[in-house]
Amino acid sequence: MSTSETPRKRWPKTILSPSAKYEIWLRLVRDEVSIGQAASEAGVDRSTIIRVRQVAKDGAMAALAASKPGTPGRSAKDVELADANAEIARLSEAVKELAVKLTLLEGKGGRG
């Protein structure tokens, strides 16, 4: 840096609340404001608004991918746990049936 150049003045970092980010995202989706207008109103850089938009999109896509019809209010972890418990019950029944068949087959062999 030469002596004639002055260092760039940095603005204090503005932290947006989650609700502010949501409102900005809604306004962008509704085409009520442009990215530049939203950045200027919020007092942040355009890249911050672009990031808010991308994070909101990614979060919405992940939530939609994890949701299953007919399971309102259940998290993906709860759904996975219920599926695992159903599989355990199914396998337990299969083991019981096989144990009965084995017992019957051994009984027919004339041992005892």
Protein backbone atom coordinates (compact mmCIF):
# COMPACT_ATOMS: atom_id res chain seq x y z
CA MET A 1 0.00 0.00 0.00
CA SER A 2 1.44 3.33 -0.94
CA THR A 3 1.35 6.34 1.36
CA SER A 4 -1.18 8.19 -0.83
CA GLU A 5 -3.83 5.46 -0.42
CA THR A 6 -6.07 5.56 2.61
CA PRO A 7 -7.28 2.31 4.13
CA ARG A 8 -10.90 1.42 3.40
CA LYS A 9 -13.26 2.34 6.16
CA ARG A 10 -15.03 -0.73 7.52
CA TRP A 11 -18.57 -0.47 8.68
CA PRO A 12 -19.45 -2.03 12.02
CA LYS A 13 -20.77 -5.54 11.53
CA THR A 14 -24.56 -5.68 11.46
CA ILE A 15 -26.07 -8.84 12.88
CA LEU A 16 -29.52 -9.65 11.53
CA SER A 17 -31.95 -11.53 13.75
CA PRO A 18 -33.55 -14.69 12.40
CA SER A 19 -36.90 -12.91 12.10
CA ALA A 20 -35.27 -10.05 10.17
CA LYS A 21 -33.67 -12.55 7.81
CA TYR A 22 -37.03 -14.25 7.32
CA GLU A 23 -38.73 -10.93 6.54
CA ILE A 24 -36.02 -10.06 4.04
CA TRP A 25 -36.40 -13.47 2.40
CA LEU A 26 -40.19 -13.09 2.18
CA ARG A 27 -39.86 -9.68 0.58
CA LEU A 28 -37.36 -11.05 -1.93
CA VAL A 29 -39.62 -13.99 -2.80
CA ARG A 30 -42.60 -11.67 -3.28
CA ASP A 31 -40.46 -9.39 -5.49
CA GLU A 32 -41.22 -6.47 -3.20
CA VAL A 33 -37.55 -5.45 -3.11
CA SER A 34 -34.38 -6.12 -5.03
CA ILE A 35 -31.24 -7.51 -3.42
CA GLY A 36 -29.68 -4.05 -3.49
CA GLN A 37 -32.70 -2.42 -1.87
CA ALA A 38 -32.90 -5.07 0.84
CA ALA A 39 -29.19 -4.68 1.58
CA SER A 40 -29.48 -0.91 1.80
CA GLU A 41 -32.54 -1.04 4.08
CA ALA A 42 -30.93 -3.62 6.39
CA GLY A 43 -27.60 -1.83 6.43
CA VAL A 44 -25.66 -4.84 5.18
CA ASP A 45 -23.70 -5.79 2.09
CA ARG A 46 -25.42 -7.33 -0.94
CA SER A 47 -23.49 -10.56 -0.36
CA THR A 48 -25.19 -10.87 3.04
CA ILE A 49 -28.61 -10.72 1.40
CA ILE A 50 -27.56 -13.24 -1.25
CA ARG A 51 -26.36 -15.55 1.54
CA VAL A 52 -29.66 -15.14 3.46
CA ARG A 53 -31.57 -16.08 0.31
CA GLN A 54 -29.37 -19.15 -0.32
CA VAL A 55 -29.54 -20.39 3.29
CA ALA A 56 -33.33 -20.00 3.31
CA LYS A 57 -33.62 -21.95 0.05
CA ASP A 58 -31.30 -24.72 1.28
CA GLY A 59 -33.16 -24.97 4.60
CA ALA A 60 -36.53 -25.15 2.88
CA MET A 61 -35.30 -27.85 0.49
CA ALA A 62 -33.89 -29.92 3.35
CA ALA A 63 -37.10 -29.61 5.35
CA LEU A 64 -39.23 -30.59 2.37
CA ALA A 65 -37.01 -33.55 1.58
CA ALA A 66 -37.24 -34.80 5.17
CA SER A 67 -41.01 -34.42 5.44
CA LYS A 68 -43.24 -37.40 4.76
CA PRO A 69 -46.97 -37.26 4.11
CA GLY A 70 -49.11 -38.30 7.04
CA THR A 71 -46.52 -37.59 9.73
CA PRO A 72 -47.20 -34.01 10.83
CA GLY A 73 -44.99 -32.55 13.51
CA ARG A 74 -42.54 -35.45 13.55
CA SER A 75 -38.89 -34.82 12.96
CA ALA A 76 -36.85 -36.93 10.59
CA LYS A 77 -35.19 -38.54 13.61
CA ASP A 78 -38.57 -39.56 15.06
CA VAL A 79 -39.66 -41.04 11.73
CA GLU A 80 -36.39 -42.96 11.43
CA LEU A 81 -36.76 -44.29 14.99
CA ALA A 82 -40.32 -45.46 14.31
CA ASP A 83 -39.16 -47.19 11.12
CA ALA A 84 -36.33 -48.92 13.02
CA ASN A 85 -38.73 -50.10 15.75
CA ALA A 86 -41.10 -51.51 13.14
CA GLU A 87 -38.20 -53.38 11.52
CA ILE A 88 -37.16 -54.79 14.92
CA ALA A 89 -40.71 -56.05 15.51
CA ARG A 90 -40.85 -57.62 12.05
CA LEU A 91 -37.52 -59.39 12.51
CA SER A 92 -38.50 -60.61 16.00
CA GLU A 93 -41.60 -62.27 14.56
CA ALA A 94 -39.54 -63.87 11.80
CA VAL A 95 -37.08 -65.29 14.36
CA LYS A 96 -39.96 -66.72 16.42
CA GLU A 97 -41.44 -68.43 13.36
CA LEU A 98 -38.08 -69.91 12.42
CA ALA A 99 -37.54 -71.15 15.99
CA VAL A 100 -40.91 -72.94 15.90
CA LYS A 101 -40.09 -74.52 12.51
CA LEU A 102 -36.70 -75.65 13.78
CA THR A 103 -38.25 -77.16 16.88
CA LEU A 104 -40.78 -79.07 14.78
CA LEU A 105 -38.13 -80.32 12.37
CA GLU A 106 -35.89 -81.50 15.20
CA GLY A 107 -38.85 -83.25 16.81
CA LYS A 108 -39.59 -85.23 13.63
CA GLY A 109 -36.03 -86.55 13.52
CA GLY A 110 -36.77 -89.01 16.35
CA ARG A 111 -34.33 -87.54 18.82
CA GLY A 112 -35.29 -87.41 22.40
